[in-house]
Amino acid sequence: MNNKPPIFKGGYDPDGAQSWIEGIKRIFGAMRCMDEHRVLLGGYVLHDEADHWW
C-alpha cells in the first residue's frame, strides 16, 4: 500500500486544516503508529507557512 499523505501549507484554511488532520489520522491508524511518534512524523508533511510555524 502506498500512502501519499495530505500536505498542509498553512494560511487561514480551517477546512483544509481539518481535512489534513483527518487524513493524517487515517494513515497513522493504518500504520499502527504509536502516539509518541505521531508528532515527529506529522511534521514531515507540513510545508511552507505551516512548516515555518512548526
PDB file of N, CA and C in Angstrom:
ATOM      1  N   MET A   1       0.838  -1.165   0.000  1.00  0.00           N
ATOM      2  CA  MET A   1       0.000   0.000   0.000  1.00  0.00           C
ATOM      3  C   MET A   1       0.890   1.238   0.000  1.00  0.00           C
ATOM      4  N   ASN A   2       0.592   2.162  -0.877  1.00  0.00           N
ATOM      5  CA  ASN A   2       1.374   3.386  -0.987  1.00  0.00           C
ATOM      6  C   ASN A   2       0.564   4.535  -0.403  1.00  0.00           C
ATOM      7  N   ASN A   3       1.009   5.060   0.713  1.00  0.00           N
ATOM      8  CA  ASN A   3       0.321   6.188   1.344  1.00  0.00           C
ATOM      9  C   ASN A   3       0.969   7.481   0.910  1.00  0.00           C
ATOM     10  N   LYS A   4       0.191   8.344   0.305  1.00  0.00           N
ATOM     11  CA  LYS A   4       0.661   9.680  -0.019  1.00  0.00           C
ATOM     12  C   LYS A   4      -0.061  10.622   0.929  1.00  0.00           C
ATOM     13  N   PRO A   5       0.625  11.029   1.992  1.00  0.00           N
ATOM     14  CA  PRO A   5      -0.044  11.847   3.000  1.00  0.00           C
ATOM     15  C   PRO A   5      -0.483  13.186   2.425  1.00  0.00           C
ATOM     16  N   PRO A   6      -1.591  13.709   2.933  1.00  0.00           N
ATOM     17  CA  PRO A   6      -2.011  15.033   2.502  1.00  0.00           C
ATOM     18  C   PRO A   6      -0.982  16.064   2.943  1.00  0.00           C
ATOM     19  N   ILE A   7      -0.903  17.145   2.217  1.00  0.00           N
ATOM     20  CA  ILE A   7       0.047  18.218   2.514  1.00  0.00           C
ATOM     21  C   ILE A   7      -0.730  19.423   3.026  1.00  0.00           C
ATOM     22  N   PHE A   8      -0.226  20.035   4.079  1.00  0.00           N
ATOM     23  CA  PHE A   8      -0.832  21.259   4.594  1.00  0.00           C
ATOM     24  C   PHE A   8       0.206  22.357   4.519  1.00  0.00           C
ATOM     25  N   LYS A   9      -0.164  23.482   3.859  1.00  0.00           N
ATOM     26  CA  LYS A   9       0.772  24.577   3.662  1.00  0.00           C
ATOM     27  C   LYS A   9       0.547  25.748   4.601  1.00  0.00           C
ATOM     28  N   GLY A  10      -0.510  25.697   5.389  1.00  0.00           N
ATOM     29  CA  GLY A  10      -0.766  26.773   6.339  1.00  0.00           C
ATOM     30  C   GLY A  10      -1.746  27.792   5.795  1.00  0.00           C
ATOM     31  N   GLY A  11      -1.675  28.991   6.343  1.00  0.00           N
ATOM     32  CA  GLY A  11      -2.623  30.030   5.973  1.00  0.00           C
ATOM     33  C   GLY A  11      -3.933  29.830   6.711  1.00  0.00           C
ATOM     34  N   TYR A  12      -4.859  30.748   6.497  1.00  0.00           N
ATOM     35  CA  TYR A  12      -6.158  30.633   7.158  1.00  0.00           C
ATOM     36  C   TYR A  12      -7.047  29.744   6.302  1.00  0.00           C
ATOM     37  N   ASP A  13      -7.093  28.479   6.661  1.00  0.00           N
ATOM     38  CA  ASP A  13      -7.881  27.489   5.927  1.00  0.00           C
ATOM     39  C   ASP A  13      -8.372  26.430   6.908  1.00  0.00           C
ATOM     40  N   PRO A  14      -9.367  26.773   7.739  1.00  0.00           N
ATOM     41  CA  PRO A  14      -9.833  25.821   8.751  1.00  0.00           C
ATOM     42  C   PRO A  14     -10.295  24.493   8.159  1.00  0.00           C
ATOM     43  N   ASP A  15     -11.001  24.540   7.029  1.00  0.00           N
ATOM     44  CA  ASP A  15     -11.467  23.296   6.413  1.00  0.00           C
ATOM     45  C   ASP A  15     -10.292  22.464   5.906  1.00  0.00           C
ATOM     46  N   GLY A  16      -9.309  23.126   5.311  1.00  0.00           N
ATOM     47  CA  GLY A  16      -8.121  22.418   4.837  1.00  0.00           C
ATOM     48  C   GLY A  16      -7.334  21.811   5.984  1.00  0.00           C
ATOM     49  N   ALA A  17      -7.231  22.536   7.082  1.00  0.00           N
ATOM     50  CA  ALA A  17      -6.512  22.026   8.253  1.00  0.00           C
ATOM     51  C   ALA A  17      -7.226  20.809   8.827  1.00  0.00           C
ATOM     52  N   GLN A  18      -8.544  20.887   8.937  1.00  0.00           N
ATOM     53  CA  GLN A  18      -9.306  19.760   9.473  1.00  0.00           C
ATOM     54  C   GLN A  18      -9.195  18.545   8.558  1.00  0.00           C
ATOM     55  N   SER A  19      -9.263  18.768   7.263  1.00  0.00           N
ATOM     56  CA  SER A  19      -9.127  17.676   6.296  1.00  0.00           C
ATOM     57  C   SER A  19      -7.747  17.033   6.401  1.00  0.00           C
ATOM     58  N   TRP A  20      -6.711  17.864   6.576  1.00  0.00           N
ATOM     59  CA  TRP A  20      -5.350  17.353   6.719  1.00  0.00           C
ATOM     60  C   TRP A  20      -5.241  16.479   7.964  1.00  0.00           C
ATOM     61  N   ILE A  21      -5.784  16.958   9.076  1.00  0.00           N
ATOM     62  CA  ILE A  21      -5.728  16.202  10.334  1.00  0.00           C
ATOM     63  C   ILE A  21      -6.417  14.853  10.181  1.00  0.00           C
ATOM     64  N   GLU A  22      -7.593  14.839   9.582  1.00  0.00           N
ATOM     65  CA  GLU A  22      -8.329  13.586   9.401  1.00  0.00           C
ATOM     66  C   GLU A  22      -7.563  12.612   8.504  1.00  0.00           C
ATOM     67  N   GLY A  23      -6.967  13.135   7.428  1.00  0.00           N
ATOM     68  CA  GLY A  23      -6.187  12.283   6.532  1.00  0.00           C
ATOM     69  C   GLY A  23      -4.965  11.687   7.216  1.00  0.00           C
ATOM     70  N   ILE A  24      -4.270  12.501   7.989  1.00  0.00           N
ATOM     71  CA  ILE A  24      -3.090  12.026   8.709  1.00  0.00           C
ATOM     72  C   ILE A  24      -3.481  10.986   9.755  1.00  0.00           C
ATOM     73  N   LYS A  25      -4.585  11.214  10.457  1.00  0.00           N
ATOM     74  CA  LYS A  25      -5.042  10.240  11.456  1.00  0.00           C
ATOM     75  C   LYS A  25      -5.357   8.891  10.814  1.00  0.00           C
ATOM     76  N   ARG A  26      -5.976   8.900   9.633  1.00  0.00           N
ATOM     77  CA  ARG A  26      -6.271   7.641   8.933  1.00  0.00           C
ATOM     78  C   ARG A  26      -4.989   6.893   8.586  1.00  0.00           C
ATOM     79  N   ILE A  27      -4.007   7.618   8.094  1.00  0.00           N
ATOM     80  CA  ILE A  27      -2.734   6.985   7.739  1.00  0.00           C
ATOM     81  C   ILE A  27      -2.040   6.443   8.984  1.00  0.00           C
ATOM     82  N   PHE A  28      -1.991   7.233  10.055  1.00  0.00           N
ATOM     83  CA  PHE A  28      -1.366   6.760  11.290  1.00  0.00           C
ATOM     84  C   PHE A  28      -2.062   5.518  11.826  1.00  0.00           C
ATOM     85  N   GLY A  29      -3.378   5.477  11.728  1.00  0.00           N
ATOM     86  CA  GLY A  29      -4.124   4.302  12.169  1.00  0.00           C
ATOM     87  C   GLY A  29      -3.767   3.073  11.351  1.00  0.00           C
ATOM     88  N   ALA A  30      -3.673   3.239  10.035  1.00  0.00           N
ATOM     89  CA  ALA A  30      -3.320   2.118   9.162  1.00  0.00           C
ATOM     90  C   ALA A  30      -1.900   1.633   9.437  1.00  0.00           C
ATOM     91  N   MET A  31      -1.018   2.567   9.804  1.00  0.00           N
ATOM     92  CA  MET A  31       0.375   2.222  10.104  1.00  0.00           C
ATOM     93  C   MET A  31       0.540   1.681  11.519  1.00  0.00           C
ATOM     94  N   ARG A  32      -0.502   1.794  12.327  1.00  0.00           N
ATOM     95  CA  ARG A  32      -0.434   1.453  13.749  1.00  0.00           C
ATOM     96  C   ARG A  32       0.677   2.259  14.437  1.00  0.00           C
ATOM     97  N   CYS A  33       0.728   3.514  14.065  1.00  0.00           N
ATOM     98  CA  CYS A  33       1.745   4.434  14.572  1.00  0.00           C
ATOM     99  C   CYS A  33       1.464   4.768  16.039  1.00  0.00           C
ATOM    100  N   MET A  34       2.471   4.613  16.880  1.00  0.00           N
ATOM    101  CA  MET A  34       2.315   4.923  18.300  1.00  0.00           C
ATOM    102  C   MET A  34       2.219   6.437  18.498  1.00  0.00           C
ATOM    103  N   ASP A  35       1.478   6.837  19.518  1.00  0.00           N
ATOM    104  CA  ASP A  35       1.247   8.257  19.782  1.00  0.00           C
ATOM    105  C   ASP A  35       2.540   9.060  19.869  1.00  0.00           C
ATOM    106  N   GLU A  36       3.553   8.501  20.495  1.00  0.00           N
ATOM    107  CA  GLU A  36       4.794   9.264  20.675  1.00  0.00           C
ATOM    108  C   GLU A  36       5.534   9.522  19.364  1.00  0.00           C
ATOM    109  N   HIS A  37       5.189   8.830  18.299  1.00  0.00           N
ATOM    110  CA  HIS A  37       5.831   9.044  17.001  1.00  0.00           C
ATOM    111  C   HIS A  37       5.014   9.941  16.079  1.00  0.00           C
ATOM    112  N   ARG A  38       3.764  10.164  16.401  1.00  0.00           N
ATOM    113  CA  ARG A  38       2.870  10.904  15.509  1.00  0.00           C
ATOM    114  C   ARG A  38       3.304  12.354  15.302  1.00  0.00           C
ATOM    115  N   VAL A  39       3.753  13.027  16.338  1.00  0.00           N
ATOM    116  CA  VAL A  39       4.171  14.426  16.200  1.00  0.00           C
ATOM    117  C   VAL A  39       5.389  14.523  15.294  1.00  0.00           C
ATOM    118  N   LEU A  40       6.350  13.663  15.505  1.00  0.00           N
ATOM    119  CA  LEU A  40       7.558  13.670  14.683  1.00  0.00           C
ATOM    120  C   LEU A  40       7.224  13.400  13.220  1.00  0.00           C
ATOM    121  N   LEU A  41       6.457  12.364  12.958  1.00  0.00           N
ATOM    122  CA  LEU A  41       6.121  12.010  11.580  1.00  0.00           C
ATOM    123  C   LEU A  41       5.191  13.030  10.934  1.00  0.00           C
ATOM    124  N   GLY A  42       4.263  13.573  11.708  1.00  0.00           N
ATOM    125  CA  GLY A  42       3.337  14.567  11.171  1.00  0.00           C
ATOM    126  C   GLY A  42       4.046  15.819  10.689  1.00  0.00           C
ATOM    127  N   GLY A  43       5.127  16.178  11.335  1.00  0.00           N
ATOM    128  CA  GLY A  43       5.886  17.360  10.938  1.00  0.00           C
ATOM    129  C   GLY A  43       6.502  17.261   9.558  1.00  0.00           C
ATOM    130  N   TYR A  44       6.705  16.065   9.069  1.00  0.00           N
ATOM    131  CA  TYR A  44       7.314  15.883   7.757  1.00  0.00           C
ATOM    132  C   TYR A  44       6.388  16.231   6.606  1.00  0.00           C
ATOM    133  N   VAL A  45       5.099  16.356   6.844  1.00  0.00           N
ATOM    134  CA  VAL A  45       4.174  16.674   5.756  1.00  0.00           C
ATOM    135  C   VAL A  45       3.606  18.086   5.886  1.00  0.00           C
ATOM    136  N   LEU A  46       4.263  18.915   6.672  1.00  0.00           N
ATOM    137  CA  LEU A  46       3.923  20.329   6.732  1.00  0.00           C
ATOM    138  C   LEU A  46       4.824  21.071   5.756  1.00  0.00           C
ATOM    139  N   HIS A  47       4.263  22.008   5.023  1.00  0.00           N
ATOM    140  CA  HIS A  47       5.036  22.749   4.027  1.00  0.00           C
ATOM    141  C   HIS A  47       4.767  24.244   4.158  1.00  0.00           C
ATOM    142  N   ASP A  48       5.642  25.027   3.594  1.00  0.00           N
ATOM    143  CA  ASP A  48       5.516  26.480   3.508  1.00  0.00           C
ATOM    144  C   ASP A  48       5.247  27.107   4.882  1.00  0.00           C
ATOM    145  N   GLU A  49       4.157  27.880   5.015  1.00  0.00           N
ATOM    146  CA  GLU A  49       3.868  28.580   6.271  1.00  0.00           C
ATOM    147  C   GLU A  49       3.728  27.628   7.449  1.00  0.00           C
ATOM    148  N   ALA A  50       3.084  26.497   7.223  1.00  0.00           N
ATOM    149  CA  ALA A  50       2.863  25.546   8.319  1.00  0.00           C
ATOM    150  C   ALA A  50       4.190  24.993   8.830  1.00  0.00           C
ATOM    151  N   ASP A  51       5.105  24.691   7.931  1.00  0.00           N
ATOM    152  CA  ASP A  51       6.414  24.171   8.328  1.00  0.00           C
ATOM    153  C   ASP A  51       7.215  25.250   9.051  1.00  0.00           C
ATOM    154  N   HIS A  52       7.143  26.470   8.555  1.00  0.00           N
ATOM    155  CA  HIS A  52       7.867  27.574   9.197  1.00  0.00           C
ATOM    156  C   HIS A  52       7.342  27.799  10.614  1.00  0.00           C
ATOM    157  N   TRP A  53       6.032  27.743  10.786  1.00  0.00           N
ATOM    158  CA  TRP A  53       5.431  27.919  12.104  1.00  0.00           C
ATOM    159  C   TRP A  53       5.862  26.805  13.040  1.00  0.00           C
ATOM    160  N   TRP A  54       5.917  25.576  12.533  1.00  0.00           N
ATOM    161  CA  TRP A  54       6.234  24.409  13.338  1.00  0.00           C
ATOM    162  C   TRP A  54       7.639  24.519  13.870  1.00  0.00           C
TER     163      TRP A  54
END
